[in-house]
């Protein structure tokens, strides 16, 4: 029962992580497109560039977490 519960949890987590990665990728694309359409010196353009850099860094961290969990699923159960 514990193994099945753990398996179900990992399957759900994998699906959630994949959805999160897709969402972050879509957000990156949207922010990038918005930035291209704004004037280079516009204050909102600078803010958008900063936001895009932060989202990109978050997406990279998220992808690294996803890879780690895929390679070490037991870490969710053991906390390591």
Protein backbone atom coordinates (compact mmCIF):
# COMPACT_ATOMS: atom_id res chain seq x y z
CA UNK A 1 0.00 0.00 0.00
CA UNK A 2 2.81 2.42 0.87
CA UNK A 3 4.61 1.61 -2.38
CA UNK A 4 1.43 2.20 -4.39
CA UNK A 5 0.77 5.47 -2.58
CA UNK A 6 4.36 6.56 -3.19
CA UNK A 7 4.06 5.59 -6.85
CA UNK A 8 0.79 7.51 -7.25
CA UNK A 9 2.31 10.53 -5.54
CA UNK A 10 5.33 10.47 -7.85
CA UNK A 11 3.15 10.17 -10.95
CA UNK A 12 1.02 13.13 -9.80
CA UNK A 13 4.10 15.14 -8.93
CA UNK A 14 5.67 14.44 -12.29
CA UNK A 15 2.52 15.64 -14.03
CA UNK A 16 2.39 18.76 -11.87
CA UNK A 17 6.05 19.54 -12.54
CA UNK A 18 5.55 19.12 -16.28
CA UNK A 19 2.57 21.48 -16.22
CA UNK A 20 4.57 23.99 -14.22
CA UNK A 21 7.44 23.83 -16.68
CA UNK A 22 5.07 24.40 -19.61
CA UNK A 23 3.51 27.37 -17.81
CA UNK A 24 6.89 28.94 -17.12
CA UNK A 25 7.95 28.43 -20.74
CA UNK A 26 4.76 30.08 -21.97
CA UNK A 27 5.29 32.98 -19.58
CA UNK A 28 8.87 33.42 -20.82
CA UNK A 29 7.65 33.50 -24.42
CA UNK A 30 4.89 36.01 -23.60
CA UNK A 31 7.22 38.33 -21.72
CA UNK A 32 9.80 38.11 -24.50
CA UNK A 33 7.22 38.98 -27.14
CA UNK A 34 5.92 41.89 -25.06
CA UNK A 35 9.44 43.19 -24.61
CA UNK A 36 10.06 43.10 -28.37
CA UNK A 37 6.98 45.25 -28.98
CA UNK A 38 7.92 47.98 -26.51
CA UNK A 39 10.23 50.92 -27.11
CA UNK A 40 13.80 50.15 -25.95
CA UNK A 41 14.07 53.15 -23.58
CA UNK A 42 10.59 52.81 -22.15
CA UNK A 43 10.61 52.31 -18.35
CA UNK A 44 8.18 49.42 -18.66
CA UNK A 45 10.56 47.78 -21.12
CA UNK A 46 13.32 47.83 -18.49
CA UNK A 47 10.97 46.41 -15.87
CA UNK A 48 9.84 43.75 -18.30
CA UNK A 49 13.47 42.81 -19.05
CA UNK A 50 14.12 42.42 -15.32
CA UNK A 51 10.96 40.35 -14.91
CA UNK A 52 11.92 38.18 -17.87
CA UNK A 53 15.36 37.56 -16.35
CA UNK A 54 13.77 36.59 -13.03
CA UNK A 55 11.26 34.28 -14.71
CA UNK A 56 14.04 32.69 -16.75
CA UNK A 57 16.08 32.10 -13.59
CA UNK A 58 13.03 30.60 -11.89
CA UNK A 59 12.38 28.36 -14.87
CA UNK A 60 15.98 27.14 -14.84
CA UNK A 61 15.76 26.37 -11.12
CA UNK A 62 12.43 24.63 -11.66
CA UNK A 63 13.89 22.49 -14.44
CA UNK A 64 16.84 21.56 -12.23
CA UNK A 65 14.45 20.57 -9.43
CA UNK A 66 12.38 18.53 -11.85
CA UNK A 67 15.47 16.68 -13.16
CA UNK A 68 16.64 16.00 -9.60
CA UNK A 69 13.25 14.61 -8.56
CA UNK A 70 13.03 12.47 -11.70
CA UNK A 71 16.50 11.07 -10.97
CA UNK A 72 15.94 10.75 -7.20
CA UNK A 73 12.21 10.24 -6.54
CA UNK A 74 12.91 8.74 -3.14
CA UNK A 75 14.18 12.14 -2.02
CA UNK A 76 10.57 13.23 -1.67
CA UNK A 77 9.96 10.49 0.86
CA UNK A 78 13.24 10.73 2.70
CA UNK A 79 13.77 14.48 2.47
CA UNK A 80 17.19 14.22 0.83
